[in-house]
Amino acid sequence: MPILYGLIAKGDKIMAEFTAHSGNFQQIIASLLPKLQQNRRRSYQNAELVVHTYCTDGLIFLCLSGQDTKTEVAYSFLETIKDRFFKKYSVEQANNPSPFGISFVDEMKATMEDFNNNPEPDKAKMAISQLSELKNIVADNLNKVLDRDIKINVVLAKSAAMKGVSVTYKKTAAVYKSTMMKRYLCCGAALCLVVCIAVWLIVSLICDFNFCKCRTCQPKQSTAFLINLPVSYTHLRAHETREDLVCRLLLEKKNFQ
């Protein structure tokens, strides 16, 4: 089965299409276009038809063929359409939303007739197509590697900055901890002093400042006053020492004689 339908689109907007056969090709393509934005080369099978797509430079090159059509022939057709399209229009013109599909229908028709009349793929064109695809893949991989290196450098720079900030924060935290500890100690000492003073004042107010109200306070009597006080003989006998006893006995002996 030959190539039945060819299309060039930008997103959901169809820019050029051609078919020499009748069928519901547009309905099939309308359901697939939103899914083709991020796939470079992809083939989809729909009943007895196969949809081949080639996405590049923001454009979608698409064709419908039968299951017996070789994949190399379909992608060679799409590569030829792409080359002829960009020879006639630049990438800037292709990204312009103004419709110019009518002026490219003849090229698409002629290309489709050439491939349908000569189904064997041109090996040179196939090699060029594969090299072009390989070049695009290598370029994408290089861009990814460069982006990754840039991201790694950014991460390293941020990690170094965070390390410096963490060291500064650690020093600041140590100083703050020491300052707060000193404040806590000073506040604790001041609080203890205030409590002690408050307790002393309360006790002083209750027991007087010389604490005479809280203990038995007897005034001291002078020795002269104590000597002049008369005491009983029994009191003297109760408090006499050995010397007093000897003196009393001698005195009593003398008085008795």
Protein backbone atom coordinates (compact mmCIF):
# COMPACT_ATOMS: atom_id res chain seq x y z
CA MET A 1 0.00 0.00 0.00
CA PRO A 2 1.48 3.43 -0.95
CA ILE A 3 1.79 6.58 1.16
CA LEU A 4 -1.78 7.84 1.46
CA TYR A 5 -1.58 11.14 3.29
CA GLY A 6 1.03 13.80 4.04
CA LEU A 7 0.87 16.69 6.50
CA ILE A 8 2.93 19.53 7.98
CA ALA A 9 1.65 21.06 11.21
CA LYS A 10 2.73 23.38 13.97
CA GLY A 11 1.12 22.21 17.18
CA ASP A 12 -2.58 21.74 16.47
CA LYS A 13 -2.47 24.04 13.42
CA ILE A 14 -2.26 22.26 10.05
CA MET A 15 0.00 24.25 7.70
CA ALA A 16 0.03 21.95 4.64
CA GLU A 17 -1.56 18.62 3.73
CA PHE A 18 -2.18 16.50 0.68
CA THR A 19 -3.86 13.19 -0.14
CA ALA A 20 -4.91 11.56 -3.38
CA HIS A 21 -7.24 9.11 -1.58
CA SER A 22 -10.50 9.44 0.30
CA GLY A 23 -10.85 8.52 3.98
CA ASN A 24 -11.14 9.83 7.53
CA PHE A 25 -7.49 10.83 7.64
CA GLN A 26 -8.09 14.21 9.27
CA GLN A 27 -10.05 12.67 12.15
CA ILE A 28 -7.24 10.21 12.84
CA ILE A 29 -4.61 12.94 12.72
CA ALA A 30 -6.65 15.37 14.88
CA SER A 31 -6.58 12.88 17.78
CA LEU A 32 -2.81 12.32 17.46
CA LEU A 33 -1.46 15.86 16.96
CA PRO A 34 -1.62 16.89 20.68
CA LYS A 35 0.54 13.86 21.58
CA LEU A 36 3.34 14.53 19.09
CA GLN A 37 4.96 17.58 20.61
CA GLN A 38 7.78 15.83 22.48
CA ASN A 39 8.50 12.82 20.24
CA ARG A 40 11.14 13.23 17.52
CA ARG A 41 10.36 10.07 15.56
CA ARG A 42 7.43 7.85 16.32
CA SER A 43 5.11 5.42 14.53
CA TYR A 44 1.51 4.68 15.55
CA GLN A 45 -0.67 1.89 14.23
CA ASN A 46 -4.35 2.60 13.67
CA ALA A 47 -6.34 -0.34 12.27
CA GLU A 48 -4.78 -1.06 8.86
CA LEU A 49 -2.93 2.24 8.73
CA VAL A 50 0.40 3.34 10.24
CA VAL A 51 1.09 6.95 11.23
CA HIS A 52 4.74 8.02 10.91
CA THR A 53 5.80 11.31 12.52
CA TYR A 54 8.97 13.35 12.49
CA CYS A 55 9.13 16.38 14.82
CA THR A 56 11.88 18.98 14.39
CA ASP A 57 12.29 22.77 14.73
CA GLY A 58 8.84 23.08 16.27
CA LEU A 59 7.12 21.48 13.24
CA ILE A 60 5.47 18.09 12.78
CA PHE A 61 5.99 16.20 9.52
CA LEU A 62 3.53 13.32 9.24
CA CYS A 63 2.41 10.70 6.76
CA LEU A 64 -0.10 7.82 6.65
CA SER A 65 0.75 4.55 4.96
CA GLY A 66 -0.30 0.91 4.92
CA GLN A 67 1.21 -1.78 7.08
CA ASP A 68 3.12 -3.22 4.11
CA THR A 69 4.96 0.05 3.53
CA LYS A 70 8.49 -0.10 4.89
CA THR A 71 9.32 2.24 7.75
CA GLU A 72 12.48 3.35 5.96
CA VAL A 73 10.42 4.50 2.97
CA ALA A 74 8.03 6.50 5.18
CA TYR A 75 10.81 8.26 7.08
CA SER A 76 12.72 8.91 3.88
CA PHE A 77 9.58 10.57 2.54
CA LEU A 78 9.29 12.72 5.66
CA GLU A 79 12.98 13.66 5.49
CA THR A 80 12.58 14.70 1.84
CA ILE A 81 9.49 16.78 2.65
CA LYS A 82 11.39 18.47 5.49
CA ASP A 83 14.39 19.33 3.30
CA ARG A 84 12.21 20.75 0.50
CA PHE A 85 10.10 22.69 2.99
CA PHE A 86 13.09 24.38 4.67
CA LYS A 87 14.66 25.14 1.32
CA LYS A 88 11.58 27.17 0.50
CA TYR A 89 10.85 28.60 3.96
CA SER A 90 13.10 29.55 6.83
CA VAL A 91 12.54 28.53 10.45
CA GLU A 92 11.29 32.04 11.25
CA GLN A 93 8.75 31.85 8.44
CA ALA A 94 7.72 28.38 9.60
CA ASN A 95 7.05 29.70 13.10
CA ASN A 96 4.94 32.49 11.59
CA PRO A 97 1.27 31.55 12.06
CA SER A 98 0.29 32.90 8.61
CA PRO A 99 -1.02 30.03 6.44
CA PHE A 100 1.10 29.11 3.43
CA GLY A 101 0.02 25.53 2.92
CA ILE A 102 -1.45 26.16 -0.52
CA SER A 103 1.95 27.12 -1.90
CA PHE A 104 3.51 23.85 -0.67
CA VAL A 105 0.85 21.39 -1.81
CA ASP A 106 2.47 20.94 -5.21
CA GLU A 107 5.83 19.98 -3.67
CA MET A 108 4.17 17.55 -1.30
CA LYS A 109 2.13 16.01 -4.15
CA ALA A 110 5.20 15.58 -6.36
CA THR A 111 7.21 14.03 -3.55
CA MET A 112 4.41 11.61 -2.66
CA GLU A 113 4.04 10.53 -6.31
CA ASP A 114 7.79 9.94 -6.58
CA PHE A 115 7.84 7.69 -3.51
CA ASN A 116 4.68 5.85 -4.50
CA ASN A 117 6.01 5.18 -8.01
CA ASN A 118 9.42 4.18 -6.67
CA PRO A 119 8.81 2.41 -3.35
CA GLU A 120 12.43 1.37 -2.90
CA PRO A 121 14.12 3.88 -0.59
CA ASP A 122 17.13 5.85 -1.72
CA LYS A 123 19.98 4.51 0.38
CA ALA A 124 21.88 7.75 0.17
CA LYS A 125 18.89 9.71 1.41
CA MET A 126 18.33 7.17 4.15
CA ALA A 127 21.95 7.50 5.26
CA ILE A 128 21.67 11.27 5.23
CA SER A 129 18.43 11.06 7.23
CA GLN A 130 20.01 8.75 9.80
CA LEU A 131 23.07 10.97 10.09
CA SER A 132 20.84 14.02 10.55
CA GLU A 133 18.89 12.23 13.26
CA LEU A 134 22.10 11.11 14.93
CA LYS A 135 23.42 14.66 14.78
CA ASN A 136 20.29 15.96 16.47
CA ILE A 137 20.50 13.29 19.17
CA VAL A 138 24.19 14.07 19.83
CA ALA A 139 23.44 17.79 19.98
CA ASP A 140 20.62 17.18 22.46
CA ASN A 141 22.87 14.99 24.60
CA LEU A 142 25.63 17.60 24.57
CA ASN A 143 23.16 20.28 25.60
CA LYS A 144 21.96 18.06 28.44
CA VAL A 145 25.55 17.44 29.56
CA LEU A 146 26.33 21.16 29.47
CA ASP A 147 23.16 21.95 31.39
CA ARG A 148 24.08 19.28 33.93
CA ASP A 149 27.60 20.74 34.34
CA ILE A 150 26.14 24.20 34.82
CA LYS A 151 23.70 22.87 37.39
CA ILE A 152 26.51 21.03 39.19
CA ASN A 153 28.58 24.22 39.32
CA VAL A 154 25.60 26.11 40.67
CA VAL A 155 25.03 23.43 43.31
CA LEU A 156 28.72 23.51 44.31
CA ALA A 157 28.65 27.30 44.58
CA LYS A 158 25.51 27.18 46.68
CA SER A 159 26.97 24.45 48.91
CA ALA A 160 30.13 26.51 49.47
CA ALA A 161 28.03 29.56 50.33
CA MET A 162 25.89 27.47 52.69
CA LYS A 163 29.04 26.11 54.35
CA GLY A 164 30.30 29.64 55.02
CA VAL A 165 26.91 30.67 56.33
CA SER A 166 26.77 27.59 58.57
CA VAL A 167 30.20 28.37 60.08
CA THR A 168 29.16 31.96 60.75
CA TYR A 169 25.87 30.78 62.22
CA LYS A 170 27.71 28.29 64.46
CA LYS A 171 30.01 31.01 65.82
CA THR A 172 27.10 33.37 66.34
CA ALA A 173 25.14 30.63 68.13
CA ALA A 174 28.09 29.91 70.46
CA VAL A 175 28.45 33.59 71.36
CA TYR A 176 24.72 33.90 71.89
CA LYS A 177 24.69 30.78 74.09
CA SER A 178 27.53 32.13 76.25
CA THR A 179 25.81 35.51 76.59
CA MET A 180 22.50 33.94 77.56
CA MET A 181 24.21 31.65 80.11
CA LYS A 182 25.84 34.67 81.76
CA ARG A 183 22.51 36.44 81.83
CA TYR A 184 20.82 33.42 83.41
CA LEU A 185 23.53 33.17 86.09
CA CYS A 186 23.32 36.88 86.89
CA CYS A 187 19.53 36.74 87.04
CA GLY A 188 19.66 33.66 89.30
CA ALA A 189 22.18 35.30 91.67
CA ALA A 190 20.15 38.50 91.80
CA LEU A 191 16.97 36.52 92.48
CA CYS A 192 18.63 34.57 95.32
CA LEU A 193 19.91 37.81 96.85
CA VAL A 194 16.47 39.40 96.67
CA VAL A 195 14.89 36.32 98.29
CA CYS A 196 17.46 36.33 101.10
CA ILE A 197 16.91 40.01 101.77
CA ALA A 198 13.13 39.55 101.74
CA VAL A 199 13.37 36.63 104.22
CA TRP A 200 15.67 38.63 106.51
CA LEU A 201 13.30 41.60 106.47
CA ILE A 202 10.27 39.41 107.23
CA VAL A 203 12.04 37.65 110.10
CA SER A 204 13.37 40.95 111.42
CA LEU A 205 9.91 42.47 111.41
CA ILE A 206 8.49 39.46 113.26
CA CYS A 207 11.29 38.90 115.80
CA ASP A 208 12.63 42.43 116.01
CA PHE A 209 16.05 43.24 114.65
CA ASN A 210 17.92 41.81 117.70
CA PHE A 211 15.66 38.71 117.72
CA CYS A 212 14.66 39.24 121.37
CA LYS A 213 11.05 38.44 120.62
CA CYS A 214 11.98 35.02 119.24
CA ARG A 215 14.21 33.91 122.19
CA THR A 216 14.45 34.35 125.96
CA CYS A 217 16.47 37.47 126.53
CA GLN A 218 17.56 38.04 130.23
CA PRO A 219 19.58 41.10 131.05
CA LYS A 220 22.96 40.45 132.55
CA GLN A 221 23.37 41.51 136.16
CA SER A 222 26.56 43.03 137.41
CA THR A 223 28.81 41.16 139.85
CA ALA A 224 28.61 43.90 142.40
CA PHE A 225 24.85 43.73 142.36
CA LEU A 226 24.94 39.95 142.81
CA ILE A 227 27.33 40.17 145.79
CA ASN A 228 25.15 42.63 147.59
CA LEU A 229 22.05 40.53 147.23
CA PRO A 230 21.15 38.55 150.36
CA VAL A 231 21.02 34.79 149.85
CA SER A 232 19.85 32.02 152.11
CA TYR A 233 22.10 29.60 153.92
CA THR A 234 20.53 26.72 152.03
CA HIS A 235 21.38 28.39 148.72
CA LEU A 236 24.99 28.77 149.78
CA ARG A 237 25.16 25.15 150.92
CA ALA A 238 23.73 24.01 147.58
CA HIS A 239 26.33 25.95 145.58
CA GLU A 240 29.44 25.62 147.74
CA THR A 241 32.61 24.04 146.38
CA ARG A 242 35.25 22.01 148.21
CA GLU A 243 37.14 25.13 149.12
CA ASP A 244 33.92 26.71 150.39
CA LEU A 245 33.25 23.56 152.43
CA VAL A 246 36.74 23.64 154.04
CA CYS A 247 36.37 27.33 154.81
CA ARG A 248 32.92 26.82 156.34
CA LEU A 249 34.09 23.94 158.53
CA LEU A 250 37.09 25.89 159.77
CA LEU A 251 34.88 28.87 160.47
CA GLU A 252 32.35 26.79 162.36
CA LYS A 253 35.16 25.15 164.39
CA LYS A 254 36.52 28.50 165.31
CA ASN A 255 33.18 29.87 166.36
CA PHE A 256 32.50 26.76 168.40
CA GLN A 257 35.70 27.20 170.42
